[in-house]
Amino acid sequence: MRLLYRPVGIILGLLAGFLSKSVFNFVWSKIDDEEAPKATIRDTSWAKVLISAAVQGMVFQTVRAAVNRAGAEGFQYLTGVWPGEKTPDPK
């Protein structure tokens, strides 16, 4: 049954990527009026590039975790089987 979750997880991962881009753009619009700088833009500061990257990473990981958790709970609701580990690894 857990094998059935793999395609669902892949689709949810893609969805999380698209959703995190929209959330990042929203969050960045609250930080700065300009578009988020890319690292290869010459006329921008190191601070702005690094802050943008840090915010983007935080947003991506948070959205990914939320989407994965909701997907796992939905899978369990529909099938009665949790698709991952039930307890954290003691190591």
PDB file of N, CA and C in Angstrom:
ATOM      1  N   MET A   1       0.824  -1.196   0.000  1.00  0.00           N
ATOM      2  CA  MET A   1       0.000   0.000   0.000  1.00  0.00           C
ATOM      3  C   MET A   1       0.872   1.266   0.000  1.00  0.00           C
ATOM      4  N   ARG A   2       2.004   1.201   0.698  1.00  0.00           N
ATOM      5  CA  ARG A   2       2.887   2.369   0.736  1.00  0.00           C
ATOM      6  C   ARG A   2       3.454   2.685  -0.637  1.00  0.00           C
ATOM      7  N   LEU A   3       3.598   1.674  -1.460  1.00  0.00           N
ATOM      8  CA  LEU A   3       4.102   1.876  -2.812  1.00  0.00           C
ATOM      9  C   LEU A   3       3.159   2.768  -3.630  1.00  0.00           C
ATOM     10  N   LEU A   4       1.881   2.705  -3.329  1.00  0.00           N
ATOM     11  CA  LEU A   4       0.897   3.547  -4.019  1.00  0.00           C
ATOM     12  C   LEU A   4       1.089   5.027  -3.690  1.00  0.00           C
ATOM     13  N   TYR A   5       1.735   5.308  -2.567  1.00  0.00           N
ATOM     14  CA  TYR A   5       1.931   6.695  -2.167  1.00  0.00           C
ATOM     15  C   TYR A   5       3.034   7.373  -2.980  1.00  0.00           C
ATOM     16  N   ARG A   6       3.944   6.617  -3.545  1.00  0.00           N
ATOM     17  CA  ARG A   6       5.068   7.210  -4.293  1.00  0.00           C
ATOM     18  C   ARG A   6       4.613   8.183  -5.383  1.00  0.00           C
ATOM     19  N   PRO A   7       3.711   7.776  -6.285  1.00  0.00           N
ATOM     20  CA  PRO A   7       3.280   8.749  -7.306  1.00  0.00           C
ATOM     21  C   PRO A   7       2.566   9.950  -6.694  1.00  0.00           C
ATOM     22  N   VAL A   8       1.828   9.711  -5.629  1.00  0.00           N
ATOM     23  CA  VAL A   8       1.143  10.818  -4.939  1.00  0.00           C
ATOM     24  C   VAL A   8       2.190  11.772  -4.371  1.00  0.00           C
ATOM     25  N   GLY A   9       3.236  11.221  -3.767  1.00  0.00           N
ATOM     26  CA  GLY A   9       4.301  12.049  -3.208  1.00  0.00           C
ATOM     27  C   GLY A   9       5.020  12.862  -4.260  1.00  0.00           C
ATOM     28  N   ILE A  10       5.237  12.279  -5.431  1.00  0.00           N
ATOM     29  CA  ILE A  10       5.899  13.009  -6.519  1.00  0.00           C
ATOM     30  C   ILE A  10       5.029  14.174  -6.984  1.00  0.00           C
ATOM     31  N   ILE A  11       3.761  13.912  -7.161  1.00  0.00           N
ATOM     32  CA  ILE A  11       2.833  14.970  -7.593  1.00  0.00           C
ATOM     33  C   ILE A  11       2.751  16.064  -6.535  1.00  0.00           C
ATOM     34  N   LEU A  12       2.700  15.673  -5.262  1.00  0.00           N
ATOM     35  CA  LEU A  12       2.658  16.663  -4.187  1.00  0.00           C
ATOM     36  C   LEU A  12       3.951  17.482  -4.134  1.00  0.00           C
ATOM     37  N   GLY A  13       5.075  16.858  -4.435  1.00  0.00           N
ATOM     38  CA  GLY A  13       6.341  17.590  -4.476  1.00  0.00           C
ATOM     39  C   GLY A  13       6.347  18.654  -5.556  1.00  0.00           C
ATOM     40  N   LEU A  14       5.827  18.321  -6.719  1.00  0.00           N
ATOM     41  CA  LEU A  14       5.723  19.309  -7.801  1.00  0.00           C
ATOM     42  C   LEU A  14       4.771  20.440  -7.420  1.00  0.00           C
ATOM     43  N   LEU A  15       3.653  20.075  -6.827  1.00  0.00           N
ATOM     44  CA  LEU A  15       2.686  21.071  -6.366  1.00  0.00           C
ATOM     45  C   LEU A  15       3.321  22.001  -5.332  1.00  0.00           C
ATOM     46  N   ALA A  16       4.095  21.433  -4.418  1.00  0.00           N
ATOM     47  CA  ALA A  16       4.760  22.242  -3.398  1.00  0.00           C
ATOM     48  C   ALA A  16       5.738  23.227  -4.031  1.00  0.00           C
ATOM     49  N   GLY A  17       6.438  22.797  -5.070  1.00  0.00           N
ATOM     50  CA  GLY A  17       7.366  23.694  -5.754  1.00  0.00           C
ATOM     51  C   GLY A  17       6.669  24.883  -6.380  1.00  0.00           C
ATOM     52  N   PHE A  18       5.574  24.619  -7.073  1.00  0.00           N
ATOM     53  CA  PHE A  18       4.818  25.716  -7.689  1.00  0.00           C
ATOM     54  C   PHE A  18       4.197  26.632  -6.629  1.00  0.00           C
ATOM     55  N   LEU A  19       3.661  26.036  -5.583  1.00  0.00           N
ATOM     56  CA  LEU A  19       3.033  26.819  -4.528  1.00  0.00           C
ATOM     57  C   LEU A  19       4.057  27.661  -3.779  1.00  0.00           C
ATOM     58  N   SER A  20       5.237  27.095  -3.539  1.00  0.00           N
ATOM     59  CA  SER A  20       6.253  27.844  -2.791  1.00  0.00           C
ATOM     60  C   SER A  20       6.743  29.053  -3.578  1.00  0.00           C
ATOM     61  N   LYS A  21       6.749  28.959  -4.901  1.00  0.00           N
ATOM     62  CA  LYS A  21       7.157  30.117  -5.703  1.00  0.00           C
ATOM     63  C   LYS A  21       6.182  31.274  -5.505  1.00  0.00           C
ATOM     64  N   SER A  22       4.893  30.966  -5.498  1.00  0.00           N
ATOM     65  CA  SER A  22       3.885  32.009  -5.288  1.00  0.00           C
ATOM     66  C   SER A  22       3.973  32.581  -3.875  1.00  0.00           C
ATOM     67  N   VAL A  23       4.160  31.707  -2.897  1.00  0.00           N
ATOM     68  CA  VAL A  23       4.257  32.176  -1.510  1.00  0.00           C
ATOM     69  C   VAL A  23       5.507  33.035  -1.342  1.00  0.00           C
ATOM     70  N   PHE A  24       6.631  32.610  -1.948  1.00  0.00           N
ATOM     71  CA  PHE A  24       7.852  33.400  -1.852  1.00  0.00           C
ATOM     72  C   PHE A  24       7.663  34.784  -2.460  1.00  0.00           C
ATOM     73  N   ASN A  25       7.037  34.850  -3.627  1.00  0.00           N
ATOM     74  CA  ASN A  25       6.808  36.159  -4.254  1.00  0.00           C
ATOM     75  C   ASN A  25       5.957  37.048  -3.365  1.00  0.00           C
ATOM     76  N   PHE A  26       4.960  36.474  -2.699  1.00  0.00           N
ATOM     77  CA  PHE A  26       4.128  37.236  -1.776  1.00  0.00           C
ATOM     78  C   PHE A  26       4.949  37.735  -0.586  1.00  0.00           C
ATOM     79  N   VAL A  27       5.719  36.839   0.015  1.00  0.00           N
ATOM     80  CA  VAL A  27       6.536  37.208   1.177  1.00  0.00           C
ATOM     81  C   VAL A  27       7.563  38.261   0.784  1.00  0.00           C
ATOM     82  N   TRP A  28       8.226  38.079  -0.365  1.00  0.00           N
ATOM     83  CA  TRP A  28       9.245  39.038  -0.785  1.00  0.00           C
ATOM     84  C   TRP A  28       8.625  40.403  -1.058  1.00  0.00           C
ATOM     85  N   SER A  29       7.403  40.448  -1.551  1.00  0.00           N
ATOM     86  CA  SER A  29       6.751  41.734  -1.800  1.00  0.00           C
ATOM     87  C   SER A  29       6.520  42.507  -0.505  1.00  0.00           C
ATOM     88  N   LYS A  30       6.456  41.798   0.618  1.00  0.00           N
ATOM     89  CA  LYS A  30       6.319  42.472   1.918  1.00  0.00           C
ATOM     90  C   LYS A  30       7.664  42.970   2.433  1.00  0.00           C
ATOM     91  N   ILE A  31       8.758  42.389   1.933  1.00  0.00           N
ATOM     92  CA  ILE A  31      10.096  42.768   2.367  1.00  0.00           C
ATOM     93  C   ILE A  31      10.632  43.922   1.525  1.00  0.00           C
ATOM     94  N   ASP A  32      10.425  43.845   0.202  1.00  0.00           N
ATOM     95  CA  ASP A  32      11.004  44.825  -0.715  1.00  0.00           C
ATOM     96  C   ASP A  32      10.035  45.082  -1.864  1.00  0.00           C
ATOM     97  N   ASP A  33      10.042  46.310  -2.362  1.00  0.00           N
ATOM     98  CA  ASP A  33       9.151  46.662  -3.475  1.00  0.00           C
ATOM     99  C   ASP A  33       9.636  46.101  -4.803  1.00  0.00           C
ATOM    100  N   GLU A  34      10.933  45.858  -4.925  1.00  0.00           N
ATOM    101  CA  GLU A  34      11.489  45.330  -6.163  1.00  0.00           C
ATOM    102  C   GLU A  34      11.388  43.809  -6.190  1.00  0.00           C
ATOM    103  N   GLU A  35      11.560  43.254  -7.386  1.00  0.00           N
ATOM    104  CA  GLU A  35      11.576  41.796  -7.542  1.00  0.00           C
ATOM    105  C   GLU A  35      12.794  41.220  -6.816  1.00  0.00           C
ATOM    106  N   ALA A  36      12.667  39.997  -6.335  1.00  0.00           N
ATOM    107  CA  ALA A  36      13.782  39.354  -5.631  1.00  0.00           C
ATOM    108  C   ALA A  36      14.983  39.230  -6.575  1.00  0.00           C
ATOM    109  N   PRO A  37      16.169  39.617  -6.104  1.00  0.00           N
ATOM    110  CA  PRO A  37      17.339  39.586  -6.981  1.00  0.00           C
ATOM    111  C   PRO A  37      17.876  38.165  -7.168  1.00  0.00           C
ATOM    112  N   LYS A  38      18.400  37.922  -8.350  1.00  0.00           N
ATOM    113  CA  LYS A  38      19.109  36.675  -8.612  1.00  0.00           C
ATOM    114  C   LYS A  38      20.581  36.916  -8.285  1.00  0.00           C
ATOM    115  N   ALA A  39      21.307  35.862  -8.013  1.00  0.00           N
ATOM    116  CA  ALA A  39      22.713  35.997  -7.615  1.00  0.00           C
ATOM    117  C   ALA A  39      23.587  36.554  -8.734  1.00  0.00           C
ATOM    118  N   THR A  40      23.138  36.432  -9.975  1.00  0.00           N
ATOM    119  CA  THR A  40      23.962  36.884 -11.099  1.00  0.00           C
ATOM    120  C   THR A  40      23.690  38.318 -11.532  1.00  0.00           C
ATOM    121  N   ILE A  41      22.803  39.002 -10.852  1.00  0.00           N
ATOM    122  CA  ILE A  41      22.542  40.410 -11.169  1.00  0.00           C
ATOM    123  C   ILE A  41      23.672  41.246 -10.569  1.00  0.00           C
ATOM    124  N   ARG A  42      24.342  42.001 -11.403  1.00  0.00           N
ATOM    125  CA  ARG A  42      25.527  42.732 -10.976  1.00  0.00           C
ATOM    126  C   ARG A  42      25.202  43.864 -10.012  1.00  0.00           C
ATOM    127  N   ASP A  43      24.175  44.634 -10.309  1.00  0.00           N
ATOM    128  CA  ASP A  43      23.900  45.844  -9.534  1.00  0.00           C
ATOM    129  C   ASP A  43      22.932  45.588  -8.378  1.00  0.00           C
ATOM    130  N   THR A  44      23.288  44.644  -7.537  1.00  0.00           N
ATOM    131  CA  THR A  44      22.531  44.397  -6.309  1.00  0.00           C
ATOM    132  C   THR A  44      23.515  44.041  -5.211  1.00  0.00           C
ATOM    133  N   SER A  45      23.128  44.214  -3.990  1.00  0.00           N
ATOM    134  CA  SER A  45      24.062  43.983  -2.886  1.00  0.00           C
ATOM    135  C   SER A  45      24.094  42.514  -2.477  1.00  0.00           C
ATOM    136  N   TRP A  46      25.213  42.151  -1.853  1.00  0.00           N
ATOM    137  CA  TRP A  46      25.349  40.794  -1.320  1.00  0.00           C
ATOM    138  C   TRP A  46      24.248  40.529  -0.296  1.00  0.00           C
ATOM    139  N   ALA A  47      23.984  41.498   0.548  1.00  0.00           N
ATOM    140  CA  ALA A  47      22.988  41.316   1.604  1.00  0.00           C
ATOM    141  C   ALA A  47      21.620  40.990   1.019  1.00  0.00           C
ATOM    142  N   LYS A  48      21.230  41.717  -0.019  1.00  0.00           N
ATOM    143  CA  LYS A  48      19.929  41.495  -0.634  1.00  0.00           C
ATOM    144  C   LYS A  48      19.845  40.108  -1.282  1.00  0.00           C
ATOM    145  N   VAL A  49      20.906  39.689  -1.926  1.00  0.00           N
ATOM    146  CA  VAL A  49      20.931  38.371  -2.564  1.00  0.00           C
ATOM    147  C   VAL A  49      20.840  37.274  -1.506  1.00  0.00           C
ATOM    148  N   LEU A  50      21.614  37.410  -0.428  1.00  0.00           N
ATOM    149  CA  LEU A  50      21.627  36.380   0.609  1.00  0.00           C
ATOM    150  C   LEU A  50      20.324  36.338   1.401  1.00  0.00           C
ATOM    151  N   ILE A  51      19.751  37.485   1.675  1.00  0.00           N
ATOM    152  CA  ILE A  51      18.458  37.513   2.372  1.00  0.00           C
ATOM    153  C   ILE A  51      17.380  36.885   1.494  1.00  0.00           C
ATOM    154  N   SER A  52      17.397  37.199   0.220  1.00  0.00           N
ATOM    155  CA  SER A  52      16.432  36.614  -0.708  1.00  0.00           C
ATOM    156  C   SER A  52      16.558  35.097  -0.747  1.00  0.00           C
ATOM    157  N   ALA A  53      17.795  34.603  -0.803  1.00  0.00           N
ATOM    158  CA  ALA A  53      18.017  33.151  -0.843  1.00  0.00           C
ATOM    159  C   ALA A  53      17.562  32.485   0.455  1.00  0.00           C
ATOM    160  N   ALA A  54      17.833  33.116   1.584  1.00  0.00           N
ATOM    161  CA  ALA A  54      17.437  32.552   2.871  1.00  0.00           C
ATOM    162  C   ALA A  54      15.913  32.501   3.004  1.00  0.00           C
ATOM    163  N   VAL A  55      15.252  33.567   2.605  1.00  0.00           N
ATOM    164  CA  VAL A  55      13.785  33.597   2.670  1.00  0.00           C
ATOM    165  C   VAL A  55      13.198  32.558   1.720  1.00  0.00           C
ATOM    166  N   GLN A  56      13.765  32.464   0.533  1.00  0.00           N
ATOM    167  CA  GLN A  56      13.267  31.480  -0.438  1.00  0.00           C
ATOM    168  C   GLN A  56      13.431  30.053   0.091  1.00  0.00           C
ATOM    169  N   GLY A  57      14.559  29.749   0.702  1.00  0.00           N
ATOM    170  CA  GLY A  57      14.780  28.419   1.275  1.00  0.00           C
ATOM    171  C   GLY A  57      13.817  28.111   2.399  1.00  0.00           C
ATOM    172  N   MET A  58      13.603  29.090   3.281  1.00  0.00           N
ATOM    173  CA  MET A  58      12.676  28.898   4.398  1.00  0.00           C
ATOM    174  C   MET A  58      11.259  28.664   3.888  1.00  0.00           C
ATOM    175  N   VAL A  59      10.835  29.467   2.929  1.00  0.00           N
ATOM    176  CA  VAL A  59       9.488  29.333   2.388  1.00  0.00           C
ATOM    177  C   VAL A  59       9.334  27.981   1.691  1.00  0.00           C
ATOM    178  N   PHE A  60      10.319  27.587   0.884  1.00  0.00           N
ATOM    179  CA  PHE A  60      10.221  26.323   0.165  1.00  0.00           C
ATOM    180  C   PHE A  60      10.114  25.144   1.123  1.00  0.00           C
ATOM    181  N   GLN A  61      10.965  25.092   2.123  1.00  0.00           N
ATOM    182  CA  GLN A  61      10.951  23.973   3.058  1.00  0.00           C
ATOM    183  C   GLN A  61       9.659  23.941   3.874  1.00  0.00           C
ATOM    184  N   THR A  62       9.155  25.097   4.263  1.00  0.00           N
ATOM    185  CA  THR A  62       7.922  25.148   5.038  1.00  0.00           C
ATOM    186  C   THR A  62       6.732  24.694   4.203  1.00  0.00           C
ATOM    187  N   VAL A  63       6.631  25.193   2.986  1.00  0.00           N
ATOM    188  CA  VAL A  63       5.521  24.786   2.111  1.00  0.00           C
ATOM    189  C   VAL A  63       5.624  23.304   1.782  1.00  0.00           C
ATOM    190  N   ARG A  64       6.842  22.829   1.510  1.00  0.00           N
ATOM    191  CA  ARG A  64       7.030  21.412   1.199  1.00  0.00           C
ATOM    192  C   ARG A  64       6.613  20.527   2.367  1.00  0.00           C
ATOM    193  N   ALA A  65       6.993  20.901   3.583  1.00  0.00           N
ATOM    194  CA  ALA A  65       6.622  20.120   4.763  1.00  0.00           C
ATOM    195  C   ALA A  65       5.106  20.118   4.960  1.00  0.00           C
ATOM    196  N   ALA A  66       4.473  21.268   4.773  1.00  0.00           N
ATOM    197  CA  ALA A  66       3.023  21.350   4.953  1.00  0.00           C
ATOM    198  C   ALA A  66       2.283  20.504   3.913  1.00  0.00           C
ATOM    199  N   VAL A  67       2.722  20.575   2.667  1.00  0.00           N
ATOM    200  CA  VAL A  67       2.077  19.806   1.602  1.00  0.00           C
ATOM    201  C   VAL A  67       2.305  18.307   1.805  1.00  0.00           C
ATOM    202  N   ASN A  68       3.536  17.921   2.171  1.00  0.00           N
ATOM    203  CA  ASN A  68       3.817  16.503   2.411  1.00  0.00           C
ATOM    204  C   ASN A  68       3.019  15.957   3.593  1.00  0.00           C
ATOM    205  N   ARG A  69       2.926  16.739   4.650  1.00  0.00           N
ATOM    206  CA  ARG A  69       2.170  16.289   5.828  1.00  0.00           C
ATOM    207  C   ARG A  69       0.690  16.161   5.504  1.00  0.00           C
ATOM    208  N   ALA A  70       0.146  17.130   4.807  1.00  0.00           N
ATOM    209  CA  ALA A  70      -1.271  17.055   4.419  1.00  0.00           C
ATOM    210  C   ALA A  70      -1.515  15.872   3.484  1.00  0.00           C
ATOM    211  N   GLY A  71      -0.586  15.617   2.581  1.00  0.00           N
ATOM    212  CA  GLY A  71      -0.717  14.477   1.677  1.00  0.00           C
ATOM    213  C   GLY A  71      -0.677  13.151   2.420  1.00  0.00           C
ATOM    214  N   ALA A  72       0.227  13.037   3.391  1.00  0.00           N
ATOM    215  CA  ALA A  72       0.329  11.806   4.178  1.00  0.00           C
ATOM    216  C   ALA A  72      -0.931  11.583   5.011  1.00  0.00           C
ATOM    217  N   GLU A  73      -1.445  12.652   5.608  1.00  0.00           N
ATOM    218  CA  GLU A  73      -2.677  12.511   6.393  1.00  0.00           C
ATOM    219  C   GLU A  73      -3.863  12.167   5.500  1.00  0.00           C
ATOM    220  N   GLY A  74      -3.930  12.762   4.327  1.00  0.00           N
ATOM    221  CA  GLY A  74      -4.997  12.432   3.386  1.00  0.00           C
ATOM    222  C   GLY A  74      -4.905  10.987   2.920  1.00  0.00           C
ATOM    223  N   PHE A  75      -3.687  10.515   2.657  1.00  0.00           N
ATOM    224  CA  PHE A  75      -3.488   9.125   2.248  1.00  0.00           C
ATOM    225  C   PHE A  75      -3.925   8.176   3.361  1.00  0.00           C
ATOM    226  N   GLN A  76      -3.565   8.514   4.592  1.00  0.00           N
ATOM    227  CA  GLN A  76      -3.972   7.665   5.715  1.00  0.00           C
ATOM    228  C   GLN A  76      -5.496   7.676   5.875  1.00  0.00           C
ATOM    229  N   TYR A  77      -6.095   8.817   5.691  1.00  0.00           N
ATOM    230  CA  TYR A  77      -7.547   8.907   5.804  1.00  0.00           C
ATOM    231  C   TYR A  77      -8.243   8.029   4.769  1.00  0.00           C
ATOM    232  N   LEU A  78      -7.721   8.029   3.545  1.00  0.00           N
ATOM    233  CA  LEU A  78      -8.342   7.265   2.459  1.00  0.00           C
ATOM    234  C   LEU A  78      -8.043   5.769   2.518  1.00  0.00           C
ATOM    235  N   THR A  79      -6.820   5.417   2.964  1.00  0.00           N
ATOM    236  CA  THR A  79      -6.416   4.012   2.905  1.00  0.00           C
ATOM    237  C   THR A  79      -6.291   3.340   4.263  1.00  0.00           C
ATOM    238  N   GLY A  80      -6.139   4.132   5.321  1.00  0.00           N
ATOM    239  CA  GLY A  80      -5.924   3.570   6.648  1.00  0.00           C
ATOM    240  C   GLY A  80      -4.472   3.213   6.917  1.00  0.00           C
ATOM    241  N   VAL A  81      -3.564   3.544   5.984  1.00  0.00           N
ATOM    242  CA  VAL A  81      -2.145   3.216   6.111  1.00  0.00           C
ATOM    243  C   VAL A  81      -1.333   4.507   6.091  1.00  0.00           C
ATOM    244  N   TRP A  82      -0.443   4.657   7.096  1.00  0.00           N
ATOM    245  CA  TRP A  82       0.455   5.817   7.106  1.00  0.00           C
ATOM    246  C   TRP A  82       1.592   5.542   6.125  1.00  0.00           C
ATOM    247  N   PRO A  83       1.891   6.464   5.196  1.00  0.00           N
ATOM    248  CA  PRO A  83       2.852   6.185   4.135  1.00  0.00           C
ATOM    249  C   PRO A  83       4.331   6.271   4.550  1.00  0.00           C
ATOM    250  N   GLY A  84       4.618   6.707   5.739  1.00  0.00           N
ATOM    251  CA  GLY A  84       6.013   6.856   6.164  1.00  0.00           C
ATOM    252  C   GLY A  84       6.275   6.143   7.470  1.00  0.00           C
ATOM    253  N   GLU A  85       7.321   6.585   8.139  1.00  0.00           N
ATOM    254  CA  GLU A  85       7.663   6.022   9.443  1.00  0.00           C
ATOM    255  C   GLU A  85       6.654   6.488  10.477  1.00  0.00           C
ATOM    256  N   LYS A  86       6.389   5.629  11.465  1.00  0.00           N
ATOM    257  CA  LYS A  86       5.427   5.999  12.499  1.00  0.00           C
ATOM    258  C   LYS A  86       6.087   6.700  13.686  1.00  0.00           C
ATOM    259  N   THR A  87       7.340   6.389  13.934  1.00  0.00           N
ATOM    260  CA  THR A  87       8.084   7.044  15.025  1.00  0.00           C
ATOM    261  C   THR A  87       9.422   7.496  14.476  1.00  0.00           C
ATOM    262  N   PRO A  88       9.994   8.536  15.071  1.00  0.00           N
ATOM    263  CA  PRO A  88      11.312   9.005  14.623  1.00  0.00           C
ATOM    264  C   PRO A  88      12.387   7.955  14.903  1.00  0.00           C
ATOM    265  N   ASP A  89      13.413   7.965  14.081  1.00  0.00           N
ATOM    266  CA  ASP A  89      14.537   7.047  14.245  1.00  0.00           C
ATOM    267  C   ASP A  89      15.276   7.443  15.533  1.00  0.00           C
ATOM    268  N   PRO A  90      15.580   6.491  16.438  1.00  0.00           N
ATOM    269  CA  PRO A  90      16.199   6.852  17.720  1.00  0.00           C
ATOM    270  C   PRO A  90      17.639   7.365  17.612  1.00  0.00           C
ATOM    271  N   LYS A  91      18.260   7.283  16.453  1.00  0.00           N
ATOM    272  CA  LYS A  91      19.654   7.732  16.298  1.00  0.00           C
ATOM    273  C   LYS A  91      19.787   9.185  16.352  1.00  0.00           C
TER     274      LYS A  91
END
